[in-house]
């Protein structure tokens, strides 16, 4: 099969990628050239945080600095963060920008929840390691042909909001660990509260961190969609929202539109 040819990296229109991107699991192991890696590094340094007061760090590392990986890629982004409230959701929000950026520039990528950087990489950061993202030239088809290829829950299972379909559909199509889609949204056209739903005791115990990262990914999709349609978005924490739903849901944050 012919490998994807990487064009010069110049596409920063991320919104259309929500509807065509897919996780890439097989890569050409030839490293990307230095010019492309520099542009990736430049964009990585420009990521928008969900919360400005959380310190983060992102490192581009080669495959030989990653262990416990089943599907190898030539490059990885290792995400590190200060451990404080909402830091996992913040990492999901930030690194999904890279996921869409890769797709927009014909580079494959995939979230990696199990692999870990080697000890030397972790030791070079004063922050807590959170997660990896693999990237490189895709060996297989890079995009979905149409939206029907997404295996996702219907909107009525992830929200009780009437209207705001453009934003909620963007969240519905977001990737999540084991495709669990743990998010749930309540509110109205001006305020959307985001929650983690009940995904089962075993999953909550073994993948609690991934669930919070997943919600951050969906939140970025919603913000990107709102901005695409000319709406301004701010994100805040609302103490009163914690009592809006039953104990089956955990409140995460609020989008003010």
C-alpha atoms as a PDB file:
ATOM      1  CA  UNK A   1       0.000   0.000   0.000  1.00  0.00           C
ATOM      2  CA  UNK A   2       1.243   3.478  -0.874  1.00  0.00           C
ATOM      3  CA  UNK A   3       2.137   5.542   2.163  1.00  0.00           C
ATOM      4  CA  UNK A   4       0.556   8.919   2.814  1.00  0.00           C
ATOM      5  CA  UNK A   5       2.730  11.711   1.370  1.00  0.00           C
ATOM      6  CA  UNK A   6       3.168  14.522   3.877  1.00  0.00           C
ATOM      7  CA  UNK A   7       2.571  17.984   2.402  1.00  0.00           C
ATOM      8  CA  UNK A   8       4.141  21.154   3.825  1.00  0.00           C
ATOM      9  CA  UNK A   9       2.456  21.847   7.167  1.00  0.00           C
ATOM     10  CA  UNK A  10       0.267  24.914   6.767  1.00  0.00           C
ATOM     11  CA  UNK A  11      -3.328  23.950   7.647  1.00  0.00           C
ATOM     12  CA  UNK A  12      -4.572  25.344  10.939  1.00  0.00           C
ATOM     13  CA  UNK A  13      -8.314  24.971  10.191  1.00  0.00           C
ATOM     14  CA  UNK A  14      -9.081  22.305  12.763  1.00  0.00           C
ATOM     15  CA  UNK A  15     -12.891  22.329  12.823  1.00  0.00           C
ATOM     16  CA  UNK A  16     -13.463  20.182   9.671  1.00  0.00           C
ATOM     17  CA  UNK A  17     -11.200  17.490  11.138  1.00  0.00           C
ATOM     18  CA  UNK A  18     -13.772  16.718  13.841  1.00  0.00           C
ATOM     19  CA  UNK A  19     -15.891  15.024  11.171  1.00  0.00           C
ATOM     20  CA  UNK A  20     -13.209  13.043   9.315  1.00  0.00           C
ATOM     21  CA  UNK A  21     -10.299  12.265  11.668  1.00  0.00           C
ATOM     22  CA  UNK A  22      -9.647   8.789  12.993  1.00  0.00           C
ATOM     23  CA  UNK A  23      -7.138   7.166  15.294  1.00  0.00           C
ATOM     24  CA  UNK A  24      -4.161   5.786  13.371  1.00  0.00           C
ATOM     25  CA  UNK A  25      -2.572   2.604  14.713  1.00  0.00           C
ATOM     26  CA  UNK A  26      -0.120   1.598  11.970  1.00  0.00           C
ATOM     27  CA  UNK A  27       2.738   3.887  10.939  1.00  0.00           C
ATOM     28  CA  UNK A  28       5.678   4.124   8.602  1.00  0.00           C
ATOM     29  CA  UNK A  29       8.567   4.035  11.093  1.00  0.00           C
ATOM     30  CA  UNK A  30      10.723   6.417   9.045  1.00  0.00           C
ATOM     31  CA  UNK A  31      11.001   9.612  11.138  1.00  0.00           C
ATOM     32  CA  UNK A  32       9.443  12.830   9.865  1.00  0.00           C
ATOM     33  CA  UNK A  33      11.950  15.383   8.582  1.00  0.00           C
ATOM     34  CA  UNK A  34      13.323  18.122  10.820  1.00  0.00           C
ATOM     35  CA  UNK A  35      11.351  20.905   9.130  1.00  0.00           C
ATOM     36  CA  UNK A  36       8.035  19.167   9.782  1.00  0.00           C
ATOM     37  CA  UNK A  37       9.030  18.307  13.355  1.00  0.00           C
ATOM     38  CA  UNK A  38       9.903  21.954  13.968  1.00  0.00           C
ATOM     39  CA  UNK A  39       6.456  23.078  12.774  1.00  0.00           C
ATOM     40  CA  UNK A  40       4.878  20.464  15.023  1.00  0.00           C
ATOM     41  CA  UNK A  41       6.955  21.764  17.922  1.00  0.00           C
ATOM     42  CA  UNK A  42       5.920  25.338  17.155  1.00  0.00           C
ATOM     43  CA  UNK A  43       2.232  24.447  17.198  1.00  0.00           C
ATOM     44  CA  UNK A  44       2.728  22.375  20.352  1.00  0.00           C
ATOM     45  CA  UNK A  45       4.079  25.463  22.073  1.00  0.00           C
ATOM     46  CA  UNK A  46       0.968  27.442  21.091  1.00  0.00           C
ATOM     47  CA  UNK A  47      -1.685  25.122  22.583  1.00  0.00           C
ATOM     48  CA  UNK A  48      -4.543  26.830  24.407  1.00  0.00           C
ATOM     49  CA  UNK A  49      -5.079  25.584  27.981  1.00  0.00           C
ATOM     50  CA  UNK A  50      -8.512  25.094  29.468  1.00  0.00           C
ATOM     51  CA  UNK A  51      -7.247  26.709  32.686  1.00  0.00           C
ATOM     52  CA  UNK A  52      -4.382  29.217  32.635  1.00  0.00           C
ATOM     53  CA  UNK A  53      -3.185  28.430  36.156  1.00  0.00           C
ATOM     54  CA  UNK A  54      -2.105  24.828  35.474  1.00  0.00           C
ATOM     55  CA  UNK A  55       1.564  24.351  34.512  1.00  0.00           C
ATOM     56  CA  UNK A  56       2.071  21.904  31.614  1.00  0.00           C
ATOM     57  CA  UNK A  57       4.961  20.588  29.555  1.00  0.00           C
ATOM     58  CA  UNK A  58       5.013  18.641  26.280  1.00  0.00           C
ATOM     59  CA  UNK A  59       7.998  16.726  24.907  1.00  0.00           C
ATOM     60  CA  UNK A  60       8.426  15.162  21.453  1.00  0.00           C
ATOM     61  CA  UNK A  61      10.253  11.860  21.904  1.00  0.00           C
ATOM     62  CA  UNK A  62      11.264   8.975  19.570  1.00  0.00           C
ATOM     63  CA  UNK A  63       9.813   5.465  19.770  1.00  0.00           C
ATOM     64  CA  UNK A  64      12.889   4.067  21.522  1.00  0.00           C
ATOM     65  CA  UNK A  65      12.101   6.248  24.536  1.00  0.00           C
ATOM     66  CA  UNK A  66       8.687   4.615  25.001  1.00  0.00           C
ATOM     67  CA  UNK A  67       7.981   1.297  26.719  1.00  0.00           C
ATOM     68  CA  UNK A  68       4.968  -1.028  26.927  1.00  0.00           C
ATOM     69  CA  UNK A  69       3.723  -0.066  23.477  1.00  0.00           C
ATOM     70  CA  UNK A  70       1.857  -2.587  21.302  1.00  0.00           C
ATOM     71  CA  UNK A  71       1.632  -0.421  18.161  1.00  0.00           C
ATOM     72  CA  UNK A  72       4.790   1.534  17.436  1.00  0.00           C
ATOM     73  CA  UNK A  73       4.977   4.995  15.895  1.00  0.00           C
ATOM     74  CA  UNK A  74       8.127   6.933  14.971  1.00  0.00           C
ATOM     75  CA  UNK A  75       7.277   9.819  17.306  1.00  0.00           C
ATOM     76  CA  UNK A  76       5.328  10.518  20.486  1.00  0.00           C
ATOM     77  CA  UNK A  77       4.242  13.558  22.430  1.00  0.00           C
ATOM     78  CA  UNK A  78       4.668  13.027  26.171  1.00  0.00           C
ATOM     79  CA  UNK A  79       2.332  15.241  28.204  1.00  0.00           C
ATOM     80  CA  UNK A  80       3.314  16.373  31.709  1.00  0.00           C
ATOM     81  CA  UNK A  81       1.342  18.510  34.140  1.00  0.00           C
ATOM     82  CA  UNK A  82       1.229  20.058  37.555  1.00  0.00           C
ATOM     83  CA  UNK A  83      -1.041  17.848  39.674  1.00  0.00           C
ATOM     84  CA  UNK A  84      -3.925  20.054  40.744  1.00  0.00           C
ATOM     85  CA  UNK A  85      -7.681  20.320  40.256  1.00  0.00           C
ATOM     86  CA  UNK A  86      -8.801  19.750  36.625  1.00  0.00           C
ATOM     87  CA  UNK A  87      -5.273  18.977  35.372  1.00  0.00           C
ATOM     88  CA  UNK A  88      -6.324  15.811  33.556  1.00  0.00           C
ATOM     89  CA  UNK A  89      -9.231  17.483  31.777  1.00  0.00           C
ATOM     90  CA  UNK A  90      -6.872  20.311  30.865  1.00  0.00           C
ATOM     91  CA  UNK A  91      -4.423  17.876  29.239  1.00  0.00           C
ATOM     92  CA  UNK A  92      -7.237  16.282  27.225  1.00  0.00           C
ATOM     93  CA  UNK A  93      -8.375  19.731  26.101  1.00  0.00           C
ATOM     94  CA  UNK A  94      -4.861  20.771  25.067  1.00  0.00           C
ATOM     95  CA  UNK A  95      -3.568  17.616  23.421  1.00  0.00           C
ATOM     96  CA  UNK A  96      -6.722  17.172  21.328  1.00  0.00           C
ATOM     97  CA  UNK A  97      -5.667  20.351  19.561  1.00  0.00           C
ATOM     98  CA  UNK A  98      -2.579  18.437  18.417  1.00  0.00           C
ATOM     99  CA  UNK A  99      -4.687  15.457  17.360  1.00  0.00           C
ATOM    100  CA  UNK A 100      -6.770  17.655  15.040  1.00  0.00           C
ATOM    101  CA  UNK A 101      -3.697  19.588  13.872  1.00  0.00           C
ATOM    102  CA  UNK A 102      -2.017  16.348  12.814  1.00  0.00           C
ATOM    103  CA  UNK A 103      -5.124  15.283  10.914  1.00  0.00           C
ATOM    104  CA  UNK A 104      -5.409  18.669   9.194  1.00  0.00           C
ATOM    105  CA  UNK A 105      -1.818  18.285   7.976  1.00  0.00           C
ATOM    106  CA  UNK A 106      -2.106  14.669   6.795  1.00  0.00           C
ATOM    107  CA  UNK A 107      -0.196  13.143   9.678  1.00  0.00           C
ATOM    108  CA  UNK A 108      -1.602  10.213  11.631  1.00  0.00           C
ATOM    109  CA  UNK A 109      -1.941  10.292  15.399  1.00  0.00           C
ATOM    110  CA  UNK A 110      -3.469   8.324  18.248  1.00  0.00           C
ATOM    111  CA  UNK A 111      -3.942   8.740  22.016  1.00  0.00           C
ATOM    112  CA  UNK A 112      -1.891   6.148  23.952  1.00  0.00           C
ATOM    113  CA  UNK A 113      -3.208   5.411  27.450  1.00  0.00           C
ATOM    114  CA  UNK A 114      -1.035   2.439  28.411  1.00  0.00           C
ATOM    115  CA  UNK A 115       2.528   3.078  27.081  1.00  0.00           C
ATOM    116  CA  UNK A 116       4.935   5.064  29.232  1.00  0.00           C
ATOM    117  CA  UNK A 117       8.078   7.095  28.547  1.00  0.00           C
ATOM    118  CA  UNK A 118      11.276   5.561  29.845  1.00  0.00           C
ATOM    119  CA  UNK A 119      12.505   6.625  33.284  1.00  0.00           C
ATOM    120  CA  UNK A 120      15.038   9.094  31.878  1.00  0.00           C
ATOM    121  CA  UNK A 121      12.306  11.047  30.044  1.00  0.00           C
ATOM    122  CA  UNK A 122      10.137  11.234  33.143  1.00  0.00           C
ATOM    123  CA  UNK A 123      13.124  12.268  35.211  1.00  0.00           C
ATOM    124  CA  UNK A 124      13.800  15.233  32.949  1.00  0.00           C
ATOM    125  CA  UNK A 125      10.533  16.896  33.979  1.00  0.00           C
ATOM    126  CA  UNK A 126       9.531  18.290  37.356  1.00  0.00           C
ATOM    127  CA  UNK A 127       5.879  17.656  36.485  1.00  0.00           C
ATOM    128  CA  UNK A 128       3.744  14.506  36.596  1.00  0.00           C
ATOM    129  CA  UNK A 129       3.606  12.388  33.436  1.00  0.00           C
ATOM    130  CA  UNK A 130       0.012  12.119  32.181  1.00  0.00           C
ATOM    131  CA  UNK A 131      -0.309  10.476  28.751  1.00  0.00           C
ATOM    132  CA  UNK A 132       1.276   9.933  25.321  1.00  0.00           C
ATOM    133  CA  UNK A 133       0.118  10.701  21.793  1.00  0.00           C
ATOM    134  CA  UNK A 134       1.679   8.745  18.925  1.00  0.00           C
ATOM    135  CA  UNK A 135       2.189  10.368  15.523  1.00  0.00           C
ATOM    136  CA  UNK A 136       3.808   9.802  12.139  1.00  0.00           C
ATOM    137  CA  UNK A 137       3.048   8.925   8.515  1.00  0.00           C
ATOM    138  CA  UNK A 138      -0.019   6.684   8.328  1.00  0.00           C
ATOM    139  CA  UNK A 139       0.279   3.323   6.595  1.00  0.00           C
ATOM    140  CA  UNK A 140      -3.479   3.099   6.067  1.00  0.00           C
ATOM    141  CA  UNK A 141      -6.268   5.497   5.126  1.00  0.00           C
ATOM    142  CA  UNK A 142      -5.954   8.665   7.159  1.00  0.00           C
ATOM    143  CA  UNK A 143      -9.569   9.880   7.096  1.00  0.00           C
ATOM    144  CA  UNK A 144     -13.099   8.575   7.433  1.00  0.00           C
ATOM    145  CA  UNK A 145     -15.120   8.765   4.234  1.00  0.00           C
ATOM    146  CA  UNK A 146     -18.234  10.060   6.013  1.00  0.00           C
ATOM    147  CA  UNK A 147     -19.671  10.604   9.484  1.00  0.00           C
ATOM    148  CA  UNK A 148     -21.517   7.272   9.463  1.00  0.00           C
ATOM    149  CA  UNK A 149     -18.174   5.533  10.098  1.00  0.00           C
ATOM    150  CA  UNK A 150     -18.088   6.905  13.657  1.00  0.00           C
ATOM    151  CA  UNK A 151     -19.391   4.423  16.219  1.00  0.00           C
ATOM    152  CA  UNK A 152     -20.877   6.781  18.788  1.00  0.00           C
ATOM    153  CA  UNK A 153     -23.823   7.120  21.145  1.00  0.00           C
ATOM    154  CA  UNK A 154     -26.831   9.096  19.847  1.00  0.00           C
ATOM    155  CA  UNK A 155     -27.180  12.649  21.135  1.00  0.00           C
ATOM    156  CA  UNK A 156     -30.053  11.796  23.474  1.00  0.00           C
ATOM    157  CA  UNK A 157     -27.722   9.514  25.457  1.00  0.00           C
ATOM    158  CA  UNK A 158     -25.152  12.220  26.139  1.00  0.00           C
ATOM    159  CA  UNK A 159     -27.315  15.306  26.753  1.00  0.00           C
ATOM    160  CA  UNK A 160     -30.730  16.597  27.777  1.00  0.00           C
ATOM    161  CA  UNK A 161     -30.161  19.954  26.078  1.00  0.00           C
ATOM    162  CA  UNK A 162     -32.624  21.003  23.386  1.00  0.00           C
ATOM    163  CA  UNK A 163     -30.849  22.811  20.572  1.00  0.00           C
ATOM    164  CA  UNK A 164     -27.116  23.600  20.338  1.00  0.00           C
ATOM    165  CA  UNK A 165     -26.791  20.579  18.048  1.00  0.00           C
ATOM    166  CA  UNK A 166     -23.702  21.919  16.272  1.00  0.00           C
ATOM    167  CA  UNK A 167     -21.742  22.015  19.538  1.00  0.00           C
ATOM    168  CA  UNK A 168     -23.121  18.791  20.974  1.00  0.00           C
ATOM    169  CA  UNK A 169     -22.537  16.869  17.747  1.00  0.00           C
ATOM    170  CA  UNK A 170     -18.895  17.969  17.812  1.00  0.00           C
ATOM    171  CA  UNK A 171     -18.597  16.572  21.344  1.00  0.00           C
ATOM    172  CA  UNK A 172     -20.396  13.357  20.354  1.00  0.00           C
ATOM    173  CA  UNK A 173     -17.773  12.615  17.698  1.00  0.00           C
ATOM    174  CA  UNK A 174     -14.809  13.143  20.031  1.00  0.00           C
ATOM    175  CA  UNK A 175     -12.477  10.177  20.623  1.00  0.00           C
ATOM    176  CA  UNK A 176     -12.378   8.521  24.047  1.00  0.00           C
ATOM    177  CA  UNK A 177     -10.536   5.636  25.698  1.00  0.00           C
ATOM    178  CA  UNK A 178     -12.065   2.312  24.577  1.00  0.00           C
ATOM    179  CA  UNK A 179     -14.728   4.474  22.884  1.00  0.00           C
ATOM    180  CA  UNK A 180     -16.558   4.776  26.207  1.00  0.00           C
ATOM    181  CA  UNK A 181     -17.868   8.329  25.557  1.00  0.00           C
ATOM    182  CA  UNK A 182     -18.233   9.018  29.299  1.00  0.00           C
ATOM    183  CA  UNK A 183     -19.476  12.614  28.981  1.00  0.00           C
ATOM    184  CA  UNK A 184     -22.924  14.028  29.730  1.00  0.00           C
ATOM    185  CA  UNK A 185     -24.077  17.618  29.186  1.00  0.00           C
ATOM    186  CA  UNK A 186     -26.900  19.655  30.697  1.00  0.00           C
ATOM    187  CA  UNK A 187     -27.844  23.329  30.469  1.00  0.00           C
ATOM    188  CA  UNK A 188     -29.029  25.642  27.715  1.00  0.00           C
ATOM    189  CA  UNK A 189     -27.772  27.723  24.788  1.00  0.00           C
ATOM    190  CA  UNK A 190     -25.732  29.982  27.060  1.00  0.00           C
ATOM    191  CA  UNK A 191     -24.438  27.580  29.710  1.00  0.00           C
ATOM    192  CA  UNK A 192     -23.420  23.942  29.246  1.00  0.00           C
ATOM    193  CA  UNK A 193     -22.394  21.882  32.278  1.00  0.00           C
ATOM    194  CA  UNK A 194     -20.111  18.898  31.574  1.00  0.00           C
ATOM    195  CA  UNK A 195     -20.193  15.696  33.635  1.00  0.00           C
ATOM    196  CA  UNK A 196     -18.628  12.242  33.672  1.00  0.00           C
ATOM    197  CA  UNK A 197     -21.389   9.647  33.554  1.00  0.00           C
ATOM    198  CA  UNK A 198     -21.591   6.290  35.275  1.00  0.00           C
ATOM    199  CA  UNK A 199     -19.478   3.927  33.143  1.00  0.00           C
ATOM    200  CA  UNK A 200     -19.340   1.017  35.583  1.00  0.00           C
ATOM    201  CA  UNK A 201     -17.365   0.412  38.758  1.00  0.00           C
ATOM    202  CA  UNK A 202     -14.462  -1.423  37.125  1.00  0.00           C
ATOM    203  CA  UNK A 203     -13.886   1.233  34.494  1.00  0.00           C
ATOM    204  CA  UNK A 204     -14.126   4.067  37.026  1.00  0.00           C
ATOM    205  CA  UNK A 205     -11.557   2.294  39.214  1.00  0.00           C
ATOM    206  CA  UNK A 206      -9.031   1.320  36.544  1.00  0.00           C
ATOM    207  CA  UNK A 207      -9.408   4.252  34.130  1.00  0.00           C
ATOM    208  CA  UNK A 208     -10.427   7.192  36.297  1.00  0.00           C
ATOM    209  CA  UNK A 209      -7.662   9.379  34.860  1.00  0.00           C
ATOM    210  CA  UNK A 210      -8.578   8.527  31.268  1.00  0.00           C
ATOM    211  CA  UNK A 211     -12.228   9.446  31.846  1.00  0.00           C
ATOM    212  CA  UNK A 212     -11.252  12.957  32.868  1.00  0.00           C
ATOM    213  CA  UNK A 213      -8.932  13.283  29.880  1.00  0.00           C
ATOM    214  CA  UNK A 214     -11.775  12.094  27.629  1.00  0.00           C
ATOM    215  CA  UNK A 215     -14.085  14.858  28.836  1.00  0.00           C
ATOM    216  CA  UNK A 216     -11.360  17.431  28.127  1.00  0.00           C
ATOM    217  CA  UNK A 217     -11.195  16.161  24.543  1.00  0.00           C
ATOM    218  CA  UNK A 218     -14.956  16.574  24.085  1.00  0.00           C
ATOM    219  CA  UNK A 219     -14.868  20.026  25.676  1.00  0.00           C
ATOM    220  CA  UNK A 220     -12.277  21.200  23.170  1.00  0.00           C
ATOM    221  CA  UNK A 221     -14.463  19.962  20.307  1.00  0.00           C
ATOM    222  CA  UNK A 222     -17.376  21.995  21.707  1.00  0.00           C
ATOM    223  CA  UNK A 223     -15.291  25.139  22.103  1.00  0.00           C
ATOM    224  CA  UNK A 224     -13.885  24.775  18.596  1.00  0.00           C
ATOM    225  CA  UNK A 225     -17.388  24.323  17.165  1.00  0.00           C
ATOM    226  CA  UNK A 226     -18.726  27.356  19.052  1.00  0.00           C
ATOM    227  CA  UNK A 227     -15.899  29.524  17.743  1.00  0.00           C
ATOM    228  CA  UNK A 228     -16.460  28.194  14.220  1.00  0.00           C
ATOM    229  CA  UNK A 229     -20.027  29.529  14.410  1.00  0.00           C
ATOM    230  CA  UNK A 230     -18.902  32.877  15.762  1.00  0.00           C
ATOM    231  CA  UNK A 231     -19.623  32.306  19.433  1.00  0.00           C
ATOM    232  CA  UNK A 232     -17.251  33.252  22.253  1.00  0.00           C
ATOM    233  CA  UNK A 233     -16.589  30.639  24.945  1.00  0.00           C
ATOM    234  CA  UNK A 234     -15.190  30.833  28.455  1.00  0.00           C
ATOM    235  CA  UNK A 235     -14.745  27.888  30.821  1.00  0.00           C
ATOM    236  CA  UNK A 236     -15.377  28.050  34.537  1.00  0.00           C
ATOM    237  CA  UNK A 237     -16.167  25.898  37.560  1.00  0.00           C
ATOM    238  CA  UNK A 238     -19.707  26.196  38.970  1.00  0.00           C
ATOM    239  CA  UNK A 239     -20.193  24.811  42.521  1.00  0.00           C
ATOM    240  CA  UNK A 240     -23.979  24.796  42.120  1.00  0.00           C
ATOM    241  CA  UNK A 241     -23.777  22.488  39.094  1.00  0.00           C
ATOM    242  CA  UNK A 242     -22.558  19.641  41.295  1.00  0.00           C
ATOM    243  CA  UNK A 243     -26.079  19.133  42.616  1.00  0.00           C
ATOM    244  CA  UNK A 244     -27.829  19.411  39.246  1.00  0.00           C
ATOM    245  CA  UNK A 245     -27.733  15.690  38.484  1.00  0.00           C
ATOM    246  CA  UNK A 246     -27.921  12.544  40.569  1.00  0.00           C
ATOM    247  CA  UNK A 247     -24.990  10.704  42.117  1.00  0.00           C
ATOM    248  CA  UNK A 248     -24.569   8.804  38.847  1.00  0.00           C
ATOM    249  CA  UNK A 249     -22.686  11.814  37.433  1.00  0.00           C
ATOM    250  CA  UNK A 250     -19.576  13.729  38.463  1.00  0.00           C
ATOM    251  CA  UNK A 251     -19.467  17.415  37.572  1.00  0.00           C
ATOM    252  CA  UNK A 252     -16.368  18.557  35.658  1.00  0.00           C
ATOM    253  CA  UNK A 253     -16.749  22.128  34.379  1.00  0.00           C
ATOM    254  CA  UNK A 254     -19.004  24.638  32.607  1.00  0.00           C
ATOM    255  CA  UNK A 255     -18.866  26.235  29.159  1.00  0.00           C
ATOM    256  CA  UNK A 256     -20.232  29.787  29.108  1.00  0.00           C
ATOM    257  CA  UNK A 257     -21.276  30.683  25.564  1.00  0.00           C
END
